[in-house]
Amino acid sequence: MDPLRGLGLPRIPGLSELVDVLQKQTEAMAQLPRTLADLNSAVRELITATRVATETIASAQRTAERLEGLVDELEEPVRALRPGLERVGRVLDDPAVDTLPDTLRTVSDDLLPLVHGLRQATDRVGTVAGFLRRRAPGTKDRPEDDAPPA
């Protein structure tokens, strides 16, 4: 639509295009403060993000330095453990280690009850021997034999 036609002015070739361009330029100029404000806000956010990134990098650097110090402290002792760990590895690779659980189960199932029975028998023999010693006439091997039974 021609903005000059409503004013009753004669139509000049190229004038309406010029007016359209000027109108669009004016609208763009009117939006320029808002665009600059948005740009300014974006720049502030970028500055904040850069500051946070800088602090994060500094913190990561401090953490890396601390870790480097810990690694330096632990490196020698860990290296000193290597020969012992290799020996333990060789022992654990021995096929005899694979039979250990079965051997322990056999000891637990067969040998421990036998030892328990032997202890009980020893205790009974000791009790009987002590009883016989106290009851035998004329035996005063120990002073507790003179004491009355409890």
C-alpha atoms as a PDB file:
ATOM      1  CA  MET A   1       0.000   0.000   0.000  1.00  0.00           C
ATOM      2  CA  ASP A   2       1.252   3.440  -0.912  1.00  0.00           C
ATOM      3  CA  PRO A   3       1.510   5.731   2.167  1.00  0.00           C
ATOM      4  CA  LEU A   4       1.340   8.928   0.035  1.00  0.00           C
ATOM      5  CA  ARG A   5      -1.814   7.962  -1.869  1.00  0.00           C
ATOM      6  CA  GLY A   6      -4.019   8.731   1.147  1.00  0.00           C
ATOM      7  CA  LEU A   7      -2.632  12.301   1.207  1.00  0.00           C
ATOM      8  CA  GLY A   8      -3.806  13.021  -2.323  1.00  0.00           C
ATOM      9  CA  LEU A   9      -0.276  13.657  -3.589  1.00  0.00           C
ATOM     10  CA  PRO A  10       0.692  12.586  -7.058  1.00  0.00           C
ATOM     11  CA  ARG A  11       2.644   9.385  -7.321  1.00  0.00           C
ATOM     12  CA  ILE A  12       6.378   9.877  -7.880  1.00  0.00           C
ATOM     13  CA  PRO A  13       8.234   6.830  -9.176  1.00  0.00           C
ATOM     14  CA  GLY A  14      10.592   5.356  -6.526  1.00  0.00           C
ATOM     15  CA  LEU A  15       9.270   7.638  -3.784  1.00  0.00           C
ATOM     16  CA  SER A  16       7.044   5.022  -2.211  1.00  0.00           C
ATOM     17  CA  GLU A  17       9.921   2.548  -2.148  1.00  0.00           C
ATOM     18  CA  LEU A  18      12.081   5.203  -0.504  1.00  0.00           C
ATOM     19  CA  VAL A  19       9.384   5.880   2.082  1.00  0.00           C
ATOM     20  CA  ASP A  20       9.064   2.122   2.735  1.00  0.00           C
ATOM     21  CA  VAL A  21      12.812   1.834   3.246  1.00  0.00           C
ATOM     22  CA  LEU A  22      12.812   4.881   5.551  1.00  0.00           C
ATOM     23  CA  GLN A  23       9.883   3.486   7.505  1.00  0.00           C
ATOM     24  CA  LYS A  24      11.623   0.111   7.980  1.00  0.00           C
ATOM     25  CA  GLN A  25      14.820   1.913   8.965  1.00  0.00           C
ATOM     26  CA  THR A  26      12.880   3.974  11.515  1.00  0.00           C
ATOM     27  CA  GLU A  27      11.302   0.837  12.973  1.00  0.00           C
ATOM     28  CA  ALA A  28      14.732  -0.793  13.145  1.00  0.00           C
ATOM     29  CA  MET A  29      16.138   2.304  14.868  1.00  0.00           C
ATOM     30  CA  ALA A  30      13.231   2.221  17.331  1.00  0.00           C
ATOM     31  CA  GLN A  31      14.136  -1.393  18.229  1.00  0.00           C
ATOM     32  CA  LEU A  32      17.851  -0.624  18.487  1.00  0.00           C
ATOM     33  CA  PRO A  33      17.792   0.312  22.240  1.00  0.00           C
ATOM     34  CA  ARG A  34      16.025  -2.971  23.065  1.00  0.00           C
ATOM     35  CA  THR A  35      18.495  -4.920  20.892  1.00  0.00           C
ATOM     36  CA  LEU A  36      21.422  -3.162  22.582  1.00  0.00           C
ATOM     37  CA  ALA A  37      19.937  -3.929  26.010  1.00  0.00           C
ATOM     38  CA  ASP A  38      19.581  -7.607  25.045  1.00  0.00           C
ATOM     39  CA  LEU A  39      23.152  -7.607  23.727  1.00  0.00           C
ATOM     40  CA  ASN A  40      24.372  -5.940  26.931  1.00  0.00           C
ATOM     41  CA  SER A  41      22.560  -8.573  29.010  1.00  0.00           C
ATOM     42  CA  ALA A  42      24.078 -11.370  26.937  1.00  0.00           C
ATOM     43  CA  VAL A  43      27.562  -9.869  27.384  1.00  0.00           C
ATOM     44  CA  ARG A  44      27.024  -9.708  31.175  1.00  0.00           C
ATOM     45  CA  GLU A  45      25.950 -13.361  31.223  1.00  0.00           C
ATOM     46  CA  LEU A  46      29.006 -14.258  29.162  1.00  0.00           C
ATOM     47  CA  ILE A  47      31.234 -12.390  31.644  1.00  0.00           C
ATOM     48  CA  THR A  48      29.593 -14.247  34.553  1.00  0.00           C
ATOM     49  CA  ALA A  49      29.982 -17.595  32.794  1.00  0.00           C
ATOM     50  CA  THR A  50      33.626 -16.785  32.049  1.00  0.00           C
ATOM     51  CA  ARG A  51      34.242 -15.898  35.704  1.00  0.00           C
ATOM     52  CA  VAL A  52      32.623 -19.156  36.876  1.00  0.00           C
ATOM     53  CA  ALA A  53      34.652 -21.116  34.319  1.00  0.00           C
ATOM     54  CA  THR A  54      37.841 -19.405  35.503  1.00  0.00           C
ATOM     55  CA  GLU A  55      37.060 -20.276  39.139  1.00  0.00           C
ATOM     56  CA  THR A  56      36.257 -23.857  38.143  1.00  0.00           C
ATOM     57  CA  ILE A  57      39.519 -24.173  36.241  1.00  0.00           C
ATOM     58  CA  ALA A  58      41.436 -22.758  39.217  1.00  0.00           C
ATOM     59  CA  SER A  59      39.716 -25.236  41.547  1.00  0.00           C
ATOM     60  CA  ALA A  60      40.473 -28.098  39.172  1.00  0.00           C
ATOM     61  CA  GLN A  61      44.100 -26.967  39.048  1.00  0.00           C
ATOM     62  CA  ARG A  62      44.331 -26.969  42.858  1.00  0.00           C
ATOM     63  CA  THR A  63      42.744 -30.426  42.972  1.00  0.00           C
ATOM     64  CA  ALA A  64      45.167 -31.704  40.332  1.00  0.00           C
ATOM     65  CA  GLU A  65      48.113 -30.343  42.330  1.00  0.00           C
ATOM     66  CA  ARG A  66      46.867 -32.043  45.497  1.00  0.00           C
ATOM     67  CA  LEU A  67      46.365 -35.315  43.645  1.00  0.00           C
ATOM     68  CA  GLU A  68      49.830 -35.037  42.177  1.00  0.00           C
ATOM     69  CA  GLY A  69      51.237 -34.602  45.695  1.00  0.00           C
ATOM     70  CA  LEU A  70      49.323 -37.668  46.916  1.00  0.00           C
ATOM     71  CA  VAL A  71      50.504 -39.721  43.972  1.00  0.00           C
ATOM     72  CA  ASP A  72      54.076 -38.630  44.677  1.00  0.00           C
ATOM     73  CA  GLU A  73      53.684 -39.708  48.328  1.00  0.00           C
ATOM     74  CA  LEU A  74      52.101 -43.059  47.501  1.00  0.00           C
ATOM     75  CA  GLU A  75      54.136 -43.998  44.460  1.00  0.00           C
ATOM     76  CA  GLU A  76      57.229 -45.282  46.277  1.00  0.00           C
ATOM     77  CA  PRO A  77      55.377 -47.357  48.936  1.00  0.00           C
ATOM     78  CA  VAL A  78      53.127 -48.879  46.281  1.00  0.00           C
ATOM     79  CA  ARG A  79      56.141 -49.726  44.117  1.00  0.00           C
ATOM     80  CA  ALA A  80      57.762 -51.305  47.188  1.00  0.00           C
ATOM     81  CA  LEU A  81      54.729 -53.597  47.554  1.00  0.00           C
ATOM     82  CA  ARG A  82      55.115 -54.982  44.052  1.00  0.00           C
ATOM     83  CA  PRO A  83      57.585 -57.825  44.803  1.00  0.00           C
ATOM     84  CA  GLY A  84      55.469 -59.063  47.708  1.00  0.00           C
ATOM     85  CA  LEU A  85      52.285 -58.887  45.665  1.00  0.00           C
ATOM     86  CA  GLU A  86      53.961 -60.821  42.878  1.00  0.00           C
ATOM     87  CA  ARG A  87      54.995 -63.513  45.392  1.00  0.00           C
ATOM     88  CA  VAL A  88      51.454 -63.676  46.771  1.00  0.00           C
ATOM     89  CA  GLY A  89      50.174 -63.983  43.217  1.00  0.00           C
ATOM     90  CA  ARG A  90      52.490 -66.919  42.527  1.00  0.00           C
ATOM     91  CA  VAL A  91      51.357 -68.624  45.744  1.00  0.00           C
ATOM     92  CA  LEU A  92      47.696 -68.089  44.905  1.00  0.00           C
ATOM     93  CA  ASP A  93      48.290 -69.489  41.403  1.00  0.00           C
ATOM     94  CA  ASP A  94      49.556 -72.742  42.924  1.00  0.00           C
ATOM     95  CA  PRO A  95      47.060 -75.598  42.322  1.00  0.00           C
ATOM     96  CA  ALA A  96      47.342 -76.593  45.990  1.00  0.00           C
ATOM     97  CA  VAL A  97      45.469 -73.408  46.909  1.00  0.00           C
ATOM     98  CA  ASP A  98      42.475 -74.696  44.938  1.00  0.00           C
ATOM     99  CA  THR A  99      42.297 -77.768  47.203  1.00  0.00           C
ATOM    100  CA  LEU A 100      42.498 -75.719  50.404  1.00  0.00           C
ATOM    101  CA  PRO A 101      38.718 -75.309  50.939  1.00  0.00           C
ATOM    102  CA  ASP A 102      38.176 -79.080  50.600  1.00  0.00           C
ATOM    103  CA  THR A 103      41.098 -79.780  52.932  1.00  0.00           C
ATOM    104  CA  LEU A 104      39.755 -77.381  55.551  1.00  0.00           C
ATOM    105  CA  ARG A 105      36.274 -78.900  55.253  1.00  0.00           C
ATOM    106  CA  THR A 106      37.751 -82.378  55.752  1.00  0.00           C
ATOM    107  CA  VAL A 107      39.708 -81.191  58.802  1.00  0.00           C
ATOM    108  CA  SER A 108      36.579 -79.576  60.188  1.00  0.00           C
ATOM    109  CA  ASP A 109      34.341 -82.575  59.502  1.00  0.00           C
ATOM    110  CA  ASP A 110      36.739 -85.410  60.391  1.00  0.00           C
ATOM    111  CA  LEU A 111      39.608 -84.202  62.541  1.00  0.00           C
ATOM    112  CA  LEU A 112      37.939 -81.666  64.850  1.00  0.00           C
ATOM    113  CA  PRO A 113      35.330 -84.139  66.183  1.00  0.00           C
ATOM    114  CA  LEU A 114      38.166 -86.590  66.840  1.00  0.00           C
ATOM    115  CA  VAL A 115      40.157 -83.946  68.742  1.00  0.00           C
ATOM    116  CA  HIS A 116      37.021 -83.021  70.676  1.00  0.00           C
ATOM    117  CA  GLY A 117      36.477 -86.673  71.585  1.00  0.00           C
ATOM    118  CA  LEU A 118      40.101 -86.988  72.708  1.00  0.00           C
ATOM    119  CA  ARG A 119      39.756 -83.929  74.921  1.00  0.00           C
ATOM    120  CA  GLN A 120      36.615 -85.315  76.505  1.00  0.00           C
ATOM    121  CA  ALA A 121      38.331 -88.639  77.097  1.00  0.00           C
ATOM    122  CA  THR A 122      41.355 -86.873  78.620  1.00  0.00           C
ATOM    123  CA  ASP A 123      39.087 -84.851  80.885  1.00  0.00           C
ATOM    124  CA  ARG A 124      37.263 -88.021  81.997  1.00  0.00           C
ATOM    125  CA  VAL A 125      40.532 -89.858  82.656  1.00  0.00           C
ATOM    126  CA  GLY A 126      41.775 -86.864  84.634  1.00  0.00           C
ATOM    127  CA  THR A 127      38.544 -86.767  86.618  1.00  0.00           C
ATOM    128  CA  VAL A 128      38.660 -90.506  87.338  1.00  0.00           C
ATOM    129  CA  ALA A 129      42.353 -90.338  88.288  1.00  0.00           C
ATOM    130  CA  GLY A 130      41.689 -87.430  90.617  1.00  0.00           C
ATOM    131  CA  PHE A 131      38.718 -89.246  92.128  1.00  0.00           C
ATOM    132  CA  LEU A 132      40.741 -92.414  92.648  1.00  0.00           C
ATOM    133  CA  ARG A 133      43.630 -90.480  94.127  1.00  0.00           C
ATOM    134  CA  ARG A 134      41.352 -88.823  96.678  1.00  0.00           C
ATOM    135  CA  ARG A 135      39.650 -92.091  97.549  1.00  0.00           C
ATOM    136  CA  ALA A 136      42.752 -94.228  97.850  1.00  0.00           C
ATOM    137  CA  PRO A 137      43.724 -94.767 101.472  1.00  0.00           C
ATOM    138  CA  GLY A 138      46.996 -93.248 102.582  1.00  0.00           C
ATOM    139  CA  THR A 139      47.590 -91.052  99.505  1.00  0.00           C
ATOM    140  CA  LYS A 140      48.408 -87.524 100.382  1.00  0.00           C
ATOM    141  CA  ASP A 141      50.332 -86.429  97.346  1.00  0.00           C
ATOM    142  CA  ARG A 142      48.849 -82.995  97.228  1.00  0.00           C
ATOM    143  CA  PRO A 143      47.734 -80.589  99.934  1.00  0.00           C
ATOM    144  CA  GLU A 144      44.329 -80.196  98.329  1.00  0.00           C
ATOM    145  CA  ASP A 145      43.741 -83.893  99.018  1.00  0.00           C
ATOM    146  CA  ASP A 146      43.558 -82.981 102.720  1.00  0.00           C
ATOM    147  CA  ALA A 147      40.846 -80.411 102.144  1.00  0.00           C
ATOM    148  CA  PRO A 148      37.273 -81.536 102.508  1.00  0.00           C
ATOM    149  CA  PRO A 149      35.425 -81.953  99.189  1.00  0.00           C
ATOM    150  CA  ALA A 150      33.593 -78.881  98.073  1.00  0.00           C
END
